């Protein structure tokens, strides 16, 4: 099965590849230098939002809770030029309706997962 950008309307990811860290006082927040045994850049290697900036796809980061008292974000990425889709799903997620729209997506024939066993 081919899983490509034309098969799905949205890509949902975490915004960071690690737990959040405290902001730096000097404006340079440094993250971990290693994630799952892989060396990463301290400044940008742990941001999962960074590469999306170069693709031309609309994306938004929405609050997804707390980890260790620090905020965790969820990134919603849409098809190119589908800004409205990203805005709508971001709004629904922010309003706490994530479960509702995931359930709707799960009933679609193209969905790869089901939140209901």
C-alpha atoms as a PDB file:
ATOM      1  CA  UNK A   1       0.000   0.000   0.000  1.00  0.00           C
ATOM      2  CA  UNK A   2       1.333   3.424  -0.939  1.00  0.00           C
ATOM      3  CA  UNK A   3       1.016   5.988   1.805  1.00  0.00           C
ATOM      4  CA  UNK A   4       1.638   9.340   0.202  1.00  0.00           C
ATOM      5  CA  UNK A   5       0.593  12.955   0.392  1.00  0.00           C
ATOM      6  CA  UNK A   6      -2.299  12.510  -2.019  1.00  0.00           C
ATOM      7  CA  UNK A   7      -3.928   9.721  -0.019  1.00  0.00           C
ATOM      8  CA  UNK A   8      -4.752  11.716   3.112  1.00  0.00           C
ATOM      9  CA  UNK A   9      -6.137  15.116   3.957  1.00  0.00           C
ATOM     10  CA  UNK A  10      -4.170  15.618   7.176  1.00  0.00           C
ATOM     11  CA  UNK A  11      -0.985  14.579   8.897  1.00  0.00           C
ATOM     12  CA  UNK A  12      -1.067  14.836  12.696  1.00  0.00           C
ATOM     13  CA  UNK A  13       2.231  14.769  14.589  1.00  0.00           C
ATOM     14  CA  UNK A  14       3.750  15.918  17.822  1.00  0.00           C
ATOM     15  CA  UNK A  15       5.517  19.271  17.613  1.00  0.00           C
ATOM     16  CA  UNK A  16       8.644  17.980  19.379  1.00  0.00           C
ATOM     17  CA  UNK A  17      10.563  14.721  19.182  1.00  0.00           C
ATOM     18  CA  UNK A  18      11.223  14.861  22.924  1.00  0.00           C
ATOM     19  CA  UNK A  19       9.669  16.082  26.121  1.00  0.00           C
ATOM     20  CA  UNK A  20       9.490  19.878  26.311  1.00  0.00           C
ATOM     21  CA  UNK A  21      12.346  21.862  27.840  1.00  0.00           C
ATOM     22  CA  UNK A  22      12.476  25.184  29.665  1.00  0.00           C
ATOM     23  CA  UNK A  23      12.986  28.251  27.455  1.00  0.00           C
ATOM     24  CA  UNK A  24      16.496  29.700  27.468  1.00  0.00           C
ATOM     25  CA  UNK A  25      16.970  33.149  29.015  1.00  0.00           C
ATOM     26  CA  UNK A  26      19.159  34.240  26.090  1.00  0.00           C
ATOM     27  CA  UNK A  27      16.633  33.374  23.370  1.00  0.00           C
ATOM     28  CA  UNK A  28      18.402  30.148  22.413  1.00  0.00           C
ATOM     29  CA  UNK A  29      16.379  27.298  23.837  1.00  0.00           C
ATOM     30  CA  UNK A  30      18.494  24.175  23.637  1.00  0.00           C
ATOM     31  CA  UNK A  31      16.938  20.753  23.393  1.00  0.00           C
ATOM     32  CA  UNK A  32      18.451  17.326  23.809  1.00  0.00           C
ATOM     33  CA  UNK A  33      21.549  16.390  21.811  1.00  0.00           C
ATOM     34  CA  UNK A  34      20.321  12.816  21.362  1.00  0.00           C
ATOM     35  CA  UNK A  35      16.902  11.243  20.758  1.00  0.00           C
ATOM     36  CA  UNK A  36      16.494   7.458  20.724  1.00  0.00           C
ATOM     37  CA  UNK A  37      20.239   7.029  20.231  1.00  0.00           C
ATOM     38  CA  UNK A  38      20.393   9.456  17.291  1.00  0.00           C
ATOM     39  CA  UNK A  39      22.436  12.653  17.553  1.00  0.00           C
ATOM     40  CA  UNK A  40      20.374  15.758  16.797  1.00  0.00           C
ATOM     41  CA  UNK A  41      21.094  19.482  16.523  1.00  0.00           C
ATOM     42  CA  UNK A  42      20.553  21.159  19.900  1.00  0.00           C
ATOM     43  CA  UNK A  43      18.732  24.124  18.343  1.00  0.00           C
ATOM     44  CA  UNK A  44      16.443  22.582  15.716  1.00  0.00           C
ATOM     45  CA  UNK A  45      16.991  18.819  15.559  1.00  0.00           C
ATOM     46  CA  UNK A  46      14.200  18.057  17.985  1.00  0.00           C
ATOM     47  CA  UNK A  47      11.536  20.286  16.401  1.00  0.00           C
ATOM     48  CA  UNK A  48       9.143  18.294  14.215  1.00  0.00           C
ATOM     49  CA  UNK A  49       7.675  21.540  12.859  1.00  0.00           C
ATOM     50  CA  UNK A  50      10.894  22.783  11.275  1.00  0.00           C
ATOM     51  CA  UNK A  51      10.892  20.728   8.064  1.00  0.00           C
ATOM     52  CA  UNK A  52       7.237  21.467   7.291  1.00  0.00           C
ATOM     53  CA  UNK A  53       8.165  25.133   6.864  1.00  0.00           C
ATOM     54  CA  UNK A  54       9.984  24.229   3.629  1.00  0.00           C
ATOM     55  CA  UNK A  55       7.276  22.077   2.009  1.00  0.00           C
ATOM     56  CA  UNK A  56       4.611  24.681   1.300  1.00  0.00           C
ATOM     57  CA  UNK A  57       1.987  22.757   3.265  1.00  0.00           C
ATOM     58  CA  UNK A  58      -0.272  24.629   5.672  1.00  0.00           C
ATOM     59  CA  UNK A  59       0.306  23.651   9.289  1.00  0.00           C
ATOM     60  CA  UNK A  60      -0.761  24.665  12.766  1.00  0.00           C
ATOM     61  CA  UNK A  61       0.352  23.788  16.259  1.00  0.00           C
ATOM     62  CA  UNK A  62      -2.368  23.393  18.861  1.00  0.00           C
ATOM     63  CA  UNK A  63      -2.111  22.724  22.610  1.00  0.00           C
ATOM     64  CA  UNK A  64      -2.251  19.020  23.465  1.00  0.00           C
ATOM     65  CA  UNK A  65      -1.728  19.016  27.220  1.00  0.00           C
ATOM     66  CA  UNK A  66       1.168  19.112  29.665  1.00  0.00           C
ATOM     67  CA  UNK A  67       4.212  16.912  30.252  1.00  0.00           C
ATOM     68  CA  UNK A  68       6.188  17.539  33.412  1.00  0.00           C
ATOM     69  CA  UNK A  69       4.323  20.813  33.889  1.00  0.00           C
ATOM     70  CA  UNK A  70       5.385  22.117  30.464  1.00  0.00           C
ATOM     71  CA  UNK A  71       3.049  22.481  27.448  1.00  0.00           C
ATOM     72  CA  UNK A  72       3.007  19.880  24.675  1.00  0.00           C
ATOM     73  CA  UNK A  73       1.801  20.702  21.168  1.00  0.00           C
ATOM     74  CA  UNK A  74       0.238  18.771  18.333  1.00  0.00           C
ATOM     75  CA  UNK A  75       0.956  19.722  14.724  1.00  0.00           C
ATOM     76  CA  UNK A  76      -1.748  19.455  12.073  1.00  0.00           C
ATOM     77  CA  UNK A  77      -0.470  19.523   8.482  1.00  0.00           C
ATOM     78  CA  UNK A  78      -2.747  19.703   5.457  1.00  0.00           C
ATOM     79  CA  UNK A  79      -2.464  19.245   1.733  1.00  0.00           C
ATOM     80  CA  UNK A  80      -0.927  22.122  -0.167  1.00  0.00           C
ATOM     81  CA  UNK A  81      -3.381  25.013  -0.524  1.00  0.00           C
ATOM     82  CA  UNK A  82      -5.806  23.351   1.953  1.00  0.00           C
ATOM     83  CA  UNK A  83      -5.370  26.054   4.575  1.00  0.00           C
ATOM     84  CA  UNK A  84      -9.043  25.977   5.500  1.00  0.00           C
ATOM     85  CA  UNK A  85      -8.888  22.264   6.372  1.00  0.00           C
ATOM     86  CA  UNK A  86      -6.017  22.907   8.762  1.00  0.00           C
ATOM     87  CA  UNK A  87      -7.819  25.872  10.312  1.00  0.00           C
ATOM     88  CA  UNK A  88     -11.044  23.906  10.827  1.00  0.00           C
ATOM     89  CA  UNK A  89      -9.375  20.842  12.383  1.00  0.00           C
ATOM     90  CA  UNK A  90      -7.127  23.048  14.509  1.00  0.00           C
ATOM     91  CA  UNK A  91     -10.148  24.909  15.812  1.00  0.00           C
ATOM     92  CA  UNK A  92     -12.046  21.675  16.537  1.00  0.00           C
ATOM     93  CA  UNK A  93      -9.015  20.246  18.304  1.00  0.00           C
ATOM     94  CA  UNK A  94      -8.523  23.363  20.351  1.00  0.00           C
ATOM     95  CA  UNK A  95     -12.191  23.318  21.332  1.00  0.00           C
ATOM     96  CA  UNK A  96     -11.821  19.762  22.634  1.00  0.00           C
ATOM     97  CA  UNK A  97     -13.608  18.009  19.814  1.00  0.00           C
ATOM     98  CA  UNK A  98     -10.588  15.990  18.708  1.00  0.00           C
ATOM     99  CA  UNK A  99     -12.255  12.708  19.633  1.00  0.00           C
ATOM    100  CA  UNK A 100     -15.309  13.648  17.606  1.00  0.00           C
ATOM    101  CA  UNK A 101     -13.468  14.357  14.367  1.00  0.00           C
ATOM    102  CA  UNK A 102     -11.180  11.347  14.820  1.00  0.00           C
ATOM    103  CA  UNK A 103     -14.276   9.195  15.103  1.00  0.00           C
ATOM    104  CA  UNK A 104     -15.589  10.737  11.885  1.00  0.00           C
ATOM    105  CA  UNK A 105     -12.253  10.111  10.165  1.00  0.00           C
ATOM    106  CA  UNK A 106     -12.165   6.509  11.418  1.00  0.00           C
ATOM    107  CA  UNK A 107     -15.431   5.831   9.616  1.00  0.00           C
ATOM    108  CA  UNK A 108     -13.791   6.854   6.352  1.00  0.00           C
ATOM    109  CA  UNK A 109     -12.540   4.042   4.102  1.00  0.00           C
ATOM    110  CA  UNK A 110      -9.153   5.796   3.774  1.00  0.00           C
ATOM    111  CA  UNK A 111      -8.378   5.954   7.495  1.00  0.00           C
ATOM    112  CA  UNK A 112      -5.411   3.875   8.714  1.00  0.00           C
ATOM    113  CA  UNK A 113      -6.567   3.558  12.311  1.00  0.00           C
ATOM    114  CA  UNK A 114      -9.656   3.251  14.383  1.00  0.00           C
ATOM    115  CA  UNK A 115      -9.998   4.761  17.839  1.00  0.00           C
ATOM    116  CA  UNK A 116     -12.719   2.186  18.536  1.00  0.00           C
ATOM    117  CA  UNK A 117     -11.526  -1.435  19.034  1.00  0.00           C
END
